[in-house]
Amino acid sequence: ILDTATRKVTGEIKISHPGAARIALTPDQKTLVYNLQQWGGAGIADVVTRKEIATIRIPGKPLSAGLSKDGRHLYLG
């Protein structure tokens, strides 16, 4: 977690699998979603508690991720 004003690391969210990339925040900014390139899936983290709350395995290794405007759907490619 980076403070963009001070450009300093202020914390971290530990995840269960390597390769997190292509992050996005839900519209309420309470949930972080990201692809897990090396593992082959996606992860979901609670921003307030700074904890991973779920992982989703898919058949393949996603290189991209996009979130729908309402935050209900994560698209992996």
PDB file of N, CA and C in Angstrom:
ATOM      1  N   ILE A   1       0.861  -1.167   0.000  1.00  0.00           N
ATOM      2  CA  ILE A   1       0.000   0.000   0.000  1.00  0.00           C
ATOM      3  C   ILE A   1       0.901   1.221   0.000  1.00  0.00           C
ATOM      4  N   LEU A   2       0.685   2.115  -0.926  1.00  0.00           N
ATOM      5  CA  LEU A   2       1.516   3.303  -1.062  1.00  0.00           C
ATOM      6  C   LEU A   2       0.710   4.561  -0.784  1.00  0.00           C
ATOM      7  N   ASP A   3       1.308   5.481  -0.074  1.00  0.00           N
ATOM      8  CA  ASP A   3       0.742   6.807   0.106  1.00  0.00           C
ATOM      9  C   ASP A   3       1.279   7.636  -1.062  1.00  0.00           C
ATOM     10  N   THR A   4       0.409   8.007  -1.980  1.00  0.00           N
ATOM     11  CA  THR A   4       0.876   8.691  -3.180  1.00  0.00           C
ATOM     12  C   THR A   4       1.346  10.107  -2.902  1.00  0.00           C
ATOM     13  N   ALA A   5       0.881  10.712  -1.827  1.00  0.00           N
ATOM     14  CA  ALA A   5       1.330  12.065  -1.486  1.00  0.00           C
ATOM     15  C   ALA A   5       2.768  12.061  -0.976  1.00  0.00           C
ATOM     16  N   THR A   6       3.087  11.093  -0.113  1.00  0.00           N
ATOM     17  CA  THR A   6       4.438  11.028   0.457  1.00  0.00           C
ATOM     18  C   THR A   6       5.355  10.071  -0.287  1.00  0.00           C
ATOM     19  N   ARG A   7       4.755   9.255  -1.157  1.00  0.00           N
ATOM     20  CA  ARG A   7       5.488   8.252  -1.919  1.00  0.00           C
ATOM     21  C   ARG A   7       6.184   7.237  -1.010  1.00  0.00           C
ATOM     22  N   LYS A   8       5.493   6.881   0.060  1.00  0.00           N
ATOM     23  CA  LYS A   8       6.040   5.915   1.007  1.00  0.00           C
ATOM     24  C   LYS A   8       5.106   4.721   1.150  1.00  0.00           C
ATOM     25  N   VAL A   9       5.704   3.578   1.453  1.00  0.00           N
ATOM     26  CA  VAL A   9       4.934   2.367   1.731  1.00  0.00           C
ATOM     27  C   VAL A   9       4.303   2.520   3.105  1.00  0.00           C
ATOM     28  N   THR A  10       2.983   2.294   3.176  1.00  0.00           N
ATOM     29  CA  THR A  10       2.270   2.448   4.449  1.00  0.00           C
ATOM     30  C   THR A  10       1.699   1.133   4.966  1.00  0.00           C
ATOM     31  N   GLY A  11       1.811   0.068   4.190  1.00  0.00           N
ATOM     32  CA  GLY A  11       1.285  -1.214   4.623  1.00  0.00           C
ATOM     33  C   GLY A  11       1.324  -2.207   3.495  1.00  0.00           C
ATOM     34  N   GLU A  12       0.749  -3.386   3.770  1.00  0.00           N
ATOM     35  CA  GLU A  12       0.696  -4.421   2.741  1.00  0.00           C
ATOM     36  C   GLU A  12      -0.510  -5.316   2.974  1.00  0.00           C
ATOM     37  N   ILE A  13      -0.890  -5.989   1.919  1.00  0.00           N
ATOM     38  CA  ILE A  13      -1.940  -6.997   1.989  1.00  0.00           C
ATOM     39  C   ILE A  13      -1.275  -8.307   1.595  1.00  0.00           C
ATOM     40  N   LYS A  14      -1.185  -9.214   2.530  1.00  0.00           N
ATOM     41  CA  LYS A  14      -0.576 -10.521   2.236  1.00  0.00           C
ATOM     42  C   LYS A  14      -1.564 -11.343   1.417  1.00  0.00           C
ATOM     43  N   ILE A  15      -1.029 -11.984   0.376  1.00  0.00           N
ATOM     44  CA  ILE A  15      -1.867 -12.819  -0.479  1.00  0.00           C
ATOM     45  C   ILE A  15      -1.339 -14.243  -0.475  1.00  0.00           C
ATOM     46  N   SER A  16      -2.199 -15.167  -0.846  1.00  0.00           N
ATOM     47  CA  SER A  16      -1.871 -16.588  -0.731  1.00  0.00           C
ATOM     48  C   SER A  16      -1.143 -17.166  -1.942  1.00  0.00           C
ATOM     49  N   HIS A  17      -1.108 -16.450  -3.054  1.00  0.00           N
ATOM     50  CA  HIS A  17      -0.477 -16.956  -4.269  1.00  0.00           C
ATOM     51  C   HIS A  17       0.362 -15.850  -4.908  1.00  0.00           C
ATOM     52  N   PRO A  18       1.459 -16.213  -5.574  1.00  0.00           N
ATOM     53  CA  PRO A  18       2.299 -15.189  -6.207  1.00  0.00           C
ATOM     54  C   PRO A  18       1.710 -14.678  -7.517  1.00  0.00           C
ATOM     55  N   GLY A  19       2.214 -13.565  -7.967  1.00  0.00           N
ATOM     56  CA  GLY A  19       1.877 -13.072  -9.294  1.00  0.00           C
ATOM     57  C   GLY A  19       0.738 -12.080  -9.353  1.00  0.00           C
ATOM     58  N   ALA A  20       0.428 -11.398  -8.260  1.00  0.00           N
ATOM     59  CA  ALA A  20      -0.669 -10.418  -8.286  1.00  0.00           C
ATOM     60  C   ALA A  20      -0.308  -9.258  -9.212  1.00  0.00           C
ATOM     61  N   ALA A  21      -1.269  -8.868 -10.028  1.00  0.00           N
ATOM     62  CA  ALA A  21      -1.084  -7.757 -10.963  1.00  0.00           C
ATOM     63  C   ALA A  21      -2.464  -7.236 -11.360  1.00  0.00           C
ATOM     64  N   ARG A  22      -2.466  -6.195 -12.138  1.00  0.00           N
ATOM     65  CA  ARG A  22      -3.703  -5.645 -12.706  1.00  0.00           C
ATOM     66  C   ARG A  22      -4.787  -5.463 -11.637  1.00  0.00           C
ATOM     67  N   ILE A  23      -4.528  -4.635 -10.675  1.00  0.00           N
ATOM     68  CA  ILE A  23      -5.461  -4.456  -9.572  1.00  0.00           C
ATOM     69  C   ILE A  23      -6.555  -3.464  -9.931  1.00  0.00           C
ATOM     70  N   ALA A  24      -7.682  -3.579  -9.253  1.00  0.00           N
ATOM     71  CA  ALA A  24      -8.792  -2.646  -9.419  1.00  0.00           C
ATOM     72  C   ALA A  24      -9.543  -2.548  -8.100  1.00  0.00           C
ATOM     73  N   LEU A  25     -10.125  -1.381  -7.853  1.00  0.00           N
ATOM     74  CA  LEU A  25     -10.958  -1.165  -6.672  1.00  0.00           C
ATOM     75  C   LEU A  25     -12.412  -1.127  -7.089  1.00  0.00           C
ATOM     76  N   THR A  26     -13.274  -1.698  -6.261  1.00  0.00           N
ATOM     77  CA  THR A  26     -14.703  -1.602  -6.507  1.00  0.00           C
ATOM     78  C   THR A  26     -15.130  -0.144  -6.333  1.00  0.00           C
ATOM     79  N   PRO A  27     -16.286   0.242  -6.879  1.00  0.00           N
ATOM     80  CA  PRO A  27     -16.718   1.640  -6.796  1.00  0.00           C
ATOM     81  C   PRO A  27     -16.778   2.204  -5.365  1.00  0.00           C
ATOM     82  N   ASP A  28     -17.096   1.374  -4.382  1.00  0.00           N
ATOM     83  CA  ASP A  28     -17.127   1.858  -2.998  1.00  0.00           C
ATOM     84  C   ASP A  28     -15.739   1.917  -2.360  1.00  0.00           C
ATOM     85  N   GLN A  29     -14.723   1.477  -3.086  1.00  0.00           N
ATOM     86  CA  GLN A  29     -13.317   1.478  -2.680  1.00  0.00           C
ATOM     87  C   GLN A  29     -13.049   0.646  -1.420  1.00  0.00           C
ATOM     88  N   LYS A  30     -13.878  -0.348  -1.182  1.00  0.00           N
ATOM     89  CA  LYS A  30     -13.705  -1.219  -0.026  1.00  0.00           C
ATOM     90  C   LYS A  30     -13.126  -2.578  -0.390  1.00  0.00           C
ATOM     91  N   THR A  31     -13.143  -2.919  -1.678  1.00  0.00           N
ATOM     92  CA  THR A  31     -12.687  -4.233  -2.110  1.00  0.00           C
ATOM     93  C   THR A  31     -11.686  -4.081  -3.254  1.00  0.00           C
ATOM     94  N   LEU A  32     -10.587  -4.798  -3.120  1.00  0.00           N
ATOM     95  CA  LEU A  32      -9.538  -4.809  -4.127  1.00  0.00           C
ATOM     96  C   LEU A  32      -9.600  -6.148  -4.851  1.00  0.00           C
ATOM     97  N   VAL A  33      -9.554  -6.118  -6.167  1.00  0.00           N
ATOM     98  CA  VAL A  33      -9.519  -7.351  -6.956  1.00  0.00           C
ATOM     99  C   VAL A  33      -8.260  -7.318  -7.815  1.00  0.00           C
ATOM    100  N   TYR A  34      -7.721  -8.494  -8.115  1.00  0.00           N
ATOM    101  CA  TYR A  34      -6.475  -8.572  -8.860  1.00  0.00           C
ATOM    102  C   TYR A  34      -6.353  -9.929  -9.518  1.00  0.00           C
ATOM    103  N   ASN A  35      -5.623  -9.959 -10.632  1.00  0.00           N
ATOM    104  CA  ASN A  35      -5.360 -11.255 -11.230  1.00  0.00           C
ATOM    105  C   ASN A  35      -4.144 -11.872 -10.560  1.00  0.00           C
ATOM    106  N   LEU A  36      -4.062 -13.174 -10.628  1.00  0.00           N
ATOM    107  CA  LEU A  36      -2.933 -13.927 -10.083  1.00  0.00           C
ATOM    108  C   LEU A  36      -2.309 -14.684 -11.249  1.00  0.00           C
ATOM    109  N   GLN A  37      -1.402 -14.017 -11.929  1.00  0.00           N
ATOM    110  CA  GLN A  37      -0.847 -14.541 -13.181  1.00  0.00           C
ATOM    111  C   GLN A  37      -0.167 -15.888 -13.018  1.00  0.00           C
ATOM    112  N   GLN A  38       0.678 -16.037 -12.044  1.00  0.00           N
ATOM    113  CA  GLN A  38       1.439 -17.277 -11.903  1.00  0.00           C
ATOM    114  C   GLN A  38       0.578 -18.444 -11.435  1.00  0.00           C
ATOM    115  N   TRP A  39      -0.416 -18.166 -10.635  1.00  0.00           N
ATOM    116  CA  TRP A  39      -1.258 -19.222 -10.065  1.00  0.00           C
ATOM    117  C   TRP A  39      -2.367 -19.636 -11.019  1.00  0.00           C
ATOM    118  N   GLY A  40      -2.894 -18.676 -11.758  1.00  0.00           N
ATOM    119  CA  GLY A  40      -3.997 -18.965 -12.672  1.00  0.00           C
ATOM    120  C   GLY A  40      -5.346 -18.690 -12.041  1.00  0.00           C
ATOM    121  N   GLY A  41      -5.587 -17.426 -11.713  1.00  0.00           N
ATOM    122  CA  GLY A  41      -6.861 -17.070 -11.112  1.00  0.00           C
ATOM    123  C   GLY A  41      -6.900 -15.616 -10.718  1.00  0.00           C
ATOM    124  N   ALA A  42      -7.733 -15.328  -9.729  1.00  0.00           N
ATOM    125  CA  ALA A  42      -7.913 -13.968  -9.250  1.00  0.00           C
ATOM    126  C   ALA A  42      -8.031 -13.979  -7.735  1.00  0.00           C
ATOM    127  N   GLY A  43      -7.777 -12.831  -7.154  1.00  0.00           N
ATOM    128  CA  GLY A  43      -7.906 -12.688  -5.712  1.00  0.00           C
ATOM    129  C   GLY A  43      -8.779 -11.502  -5.369  1.00  0.00           C
ATOM    130  N   ILE A  44      -9.340 -11.549  -4.170  1.00  0.00           N
ATOM    131  CA  ILE A  44     -10.196 -10.488  -3.664  1.00  0.00           C
ATOM    132  C   ILE A  44      -9.730 -10.165  -2.254  1.00  0.00           C
ATOM    133  N   ALA A  45      -9.539  -8.877  -1.977  1.00  0.00           N
ATOM    134  CA  ALA A  45      -9.067  -8.467  -0.659  1.00  0.00           C
ATOM    135  C   ALA A  45      -9.943  -7.353  -0.100  1.00  0.00           C
ATOM    136  N   ASP A  46     -10.094  -7.359   1.215  1.00  0.00           N
ATOM    137  CA  ASP A  46     -10.809  -6.305   1.931  1.00  0.00           C
ATOM    138  C   ASP A  46      -9.807  -5.184   2.207  1.00  0.00           C
ATOM    139  N   VAL A  47     -10.091  -3.991   1.721  1.00  0.00           N
ATOM    140  CA  VAL A  47      -9.167  -2.871   1.866  1.00  0.00           C
ATOM    141  C   VAL A  47      -9.065  -2.421   3.320  1.00  0.00           C
ATOM    142  N   VAL A  48     -10.174  -2.416   4.041  1.00  0.00           N
ATOM    143  CA  VAL A  48     -10.187  -1.938   5.430  1.00  0.00           C
ATOM    144  C   VAL A  48      -9.367  -2.853   6.339  1.00  0.00           C
ATOM    145  N   THR A  49      -9.599  -4.167   6.236  1.00  0.00           N
ATOM    146  CA  THR A  49      -8.880  -5.111   7.100  1.00  0.00           C
ATOM    147  C   THR A  49      -7.517  -5.493   6.539  1.00  0.00           C
ATOM    148  N   ARG A  50      -7.295  -5.145   5.263  1.00  0.00           N
ATOM    149  CA  ARG A  50      -6.045  -5.472   4.568  1.00  0.00           C
ATOM    150  C   ARG A  50      -5.784  -6.975   4.546  1.00  0.00           C
ATOM    151  N   LYS A  51      -6.862  -7.736   4.272  1.00  0.00           N
ATOM    152  CA  LYS A  51      -6.748  -9.193   4.222  1.00  0.00           C
ATOM    153  C   LYS A  51      -7.383  -9.726   2.943  1.00  0.00           C
ATOM    154  N   GLU A  52      -6.735 -10.749   2.400  1.00  0.00           N
ATOM    155  CA  GLU A  52      -7.314 -11.457   1.268  1.00  0.00           C
ATOM    156  C   GLU A  52      -8.522 -12.229   1.774  1.00  0.00           C
ATOM    157  N   ILE A  53      -9.636 -12.111   1.074  1.00  0.00           N
ATOM    158  CA  ILE A  53     -10.857 -12.785   1.537  1.00  0.00           C
ATOM    159  C   ILE A  53     -11.286 -13.926   0.626  1.00  0.00           C
ATOM    160  N   ALA A  54     -10.715 -13.985  -0.585  1.00  0.00           N
ATOM    161  CA  ALA A  54     -11.077 -15.082  -1.486  1.00  0.00           C
ATOM    162  C   ALA A  54     -10.095 -15.167  -2.641  1.00  0.00           C
ATOM    163  N   THR A  55      -9.986 -16.357  -3.200  1.00  0.00           N
ATOM    164  CA  THR A  55      -9.281 -16.566  -4.456  1.00  0.00           C
ATOM    165  C   THR A  55     -10.193 -17.394  -5.351  1.00  0.00           C
ATOM    166  N   ILE A  56     -10.035 -17.200  -6.633  1.00  0.00           N
ATOM    167  CA  ILE A  56     -10.850 -17.906  -7.618  1.00  0.00           C
ATOM    168  C   ILE A  56      -9.900 -18.486  -8.662  1.00  0.00           C
ATOM    169  N   ARG A  57      -9.936 -19.777  -8.824  1.00  0.00           N
ATOM    170  CA  ARG A  57      -9.083 -20.467  -9.800  1.00  0.00           C
ATOM    171  C   ARG A  57      -9.800 -20.485 -11.144  1.00  0.00           C
ATOM    172  N   ILE A  58      -9.047 -20.259 -12.222  1.00  0.00           N
ATOM    173  CA  ILE A  58      -9.622 -20.347 -13.563  1.00  0.00           C
ATOM    174  C   ILE A  58      -8.728 -21.243 -14.417  1.00  0.00           C
ATOM    175  N   PRO A  59      -9.242 -21.763 -15.534  1.00  0.00           N
ATOM    176  CA  PRO A  59      -8.416 -22.614 -16.400  1.00  0.00           C
ATOM    177  C   PRO A  59      -7.532 -21.757 -17.312  1.00  0.00           C
ATOM    178  N   GLY A  60      -6.430 -21.317 -16.807  1.00  0.00           N
ATOM    179  CA  GLY A  60      -5.521 -20.480 -17.572  1.00  0.00           C
ATOM    180  C   GLY A  60      -4.869 -19.460 -16.664  1.00  0.00           C
ATOM    181  N   LYS A  61      -3.913 -18.745 -17.210  1.00  0.00           N
ATOM    182  CA  LYS A  61      -3.192 -17.743 -16.425  1.00  0.00           C
ATOM    183  C   LYS A  61      -3.516 -16.364 -16.986  1.00  0.00           C
ATOM    184  N   PRO A  62      -4.334 -15.596 -16.286  1.00  0.00           N
ATOM    185  CA  PRO A  62      -4.780 -14.311 -16.814  1.00  0.00           C
ATOM    186  C   PRO A  62      -3.662 -13.266 -16.837  1.00  0.00           C
ATOM    187  N   LEU A  63      -3.589 -12.540 -17.931  1.00  0.00           N
ATOM    188  CA  LEU A  63      -2.614 -11.466 -18.055  1.00  0.00           C
ATOM    189  C   LEU A  63      -3.256 -10.103 -17.842  1.00  0.00           C
ATOM    190  N   SER A  64      -4.572 -10.048 -17.898  1.00  0.00           N
ATOM    191  CA  SER A  64      -5.252  -8.782 -17.719  1.00  0.00           C
ATOM    192  C   SER A  64      -6.461  -8.970 -16.814  1.00  0.00           C
ATOM    193  N   ALA A  65      -6.953  -7.869 -16.309  1.00  0.00           N
ATOM    194  CA  ALA A  65      -8.150  -7.898 -15.469  1.00  0.00           C
ATOM    195  C   ALA A  65      -8.860  -6.563 -15.608  1.00  0.00           C
ATOM    196  N   GLY A  66     -10.161  -6.609 -15.632  1.00  0.00           N
ATOM    197  CA  GLY A  66     -10.970  -5.396 -15.695  1.00  0.00           C
ATOM    198  C   GLY A  66     -12.212  -5.579 -14.845  1.00  0.00           C
ATOM    199  N   LEU A  67     -12.676  -4.497 -14.280  1.00  0.00           N
ATOM    200  CA  LEU A  67     -13.835  -4.538 -13.390  1.00  0.00           C
ATOM    201  C   LEU A  67     -14.987  -3.784 -14.041  1.00  0.00           C
ATOM    202  N   SER A  68     -16.195  -4.352 -13.962  1.00  0.00           N
ATOM    203  CA  SER A  68     -17.359  -3.655 -14.505  1.00  0.00           C
ATOM    204  C   SER A  68     -17.602  -2.368 -13.711  1.00  0.00           C
ATOM    205  N   LYS A  69     -18.292  -1.414 -14.308  1.00  0.00           N
ATOM    206  CA  LYS A  69     -18.519  -0.114 -13.662  1.00  0.00           C
ATOM    207  C   LYS A  69     -19.238  -0.227 -12.333  1.00  0.00           C
ATOM    208  N   ASP A  70     -20.129  -1.218 -12.201  1.00  0.00           N
ATOM    209  CA  ASP A  70     -20.850  -1.383 -10.944  1.00  0.00           C
ATOM    210  C   ASP A  70     -20.070  -2.229  -9.935  1.00  0.00           C
ATOM    211  N   GLY A  71     -18.912  -2.754 -10.346  1.00  0.00           N
ATOM    212  CA  GLY A  71     -18.067  -3.523  -9.442  1.00  0.00           C
ATOM    213  C   GLY A  71     -18.524  -4.945  -9.189  1.00  0.00           C
ATOM    214  N   ARG A  72     -19.504  -5.420  -9.938  1.00  0.00           N
ATOM    215  CA  ARG A  72     -20.056  -6.762  -9.698  1.00  0.00           C
ATOM    216  C   ARG A  72     -19.359  -7.848 -10.488  1.00  0.00           C
ATOM    217  N   HIS A  73     -18.633  -7.487 -11.549  1.00  0.00           N
ATOM    218  CA  HIS A  73     -18.026  -8.490 -12.412  1.00  0.00           C
ATOM    219  C   HIS A  73     -16.555  -8.172 -12.659  1.00  0.00           C
ATOM    220  N   LEU A  74     -15.719  -9.195 -12.514  1.00  0.00           N
ATOM    221  CA  LEU A  74     -14.297  -9.079 -12.828  1.00  0.00           C
ATOM    222  C   LEU A  74     -14.065  -9.851 -14.116  1.00  0.00           C
ATOM    223  N   TYR A  75     -13.447  -9.212 -15.061  1.00  0.00           N
ATOM    224  CA  TYR A  75     -13.158  -9.829 -16.343  1.00  0.00           C
ATOM    225  C   TYR A  75     -11.662 -10.125 -16.415  1.00  0.00           C
ATOM    226  N   LEU A  76     -11.325 -11.366 -16.708  1.00  0.00           N
ATOM    227  CA  LEU A  76      -9.923 -11.788 -16.806  1.00  0.00           C
ATOM    228  C   LEU A  76      -9.644 -12.233 -18.232  1.00  0.00           C
ATOM    229  N   GLY A  77      -8.499 -11.865 -18.750  1.00  0.00           N
ATOM    230  CA  GLY A  77      -8.150 -12.260 -20.114  1.00  0.00           C
ATOM    231  C   GLY A  77      -6.772 -12.857 -20.162  1.00  0.00           C
TER     232      GLY A  77
END
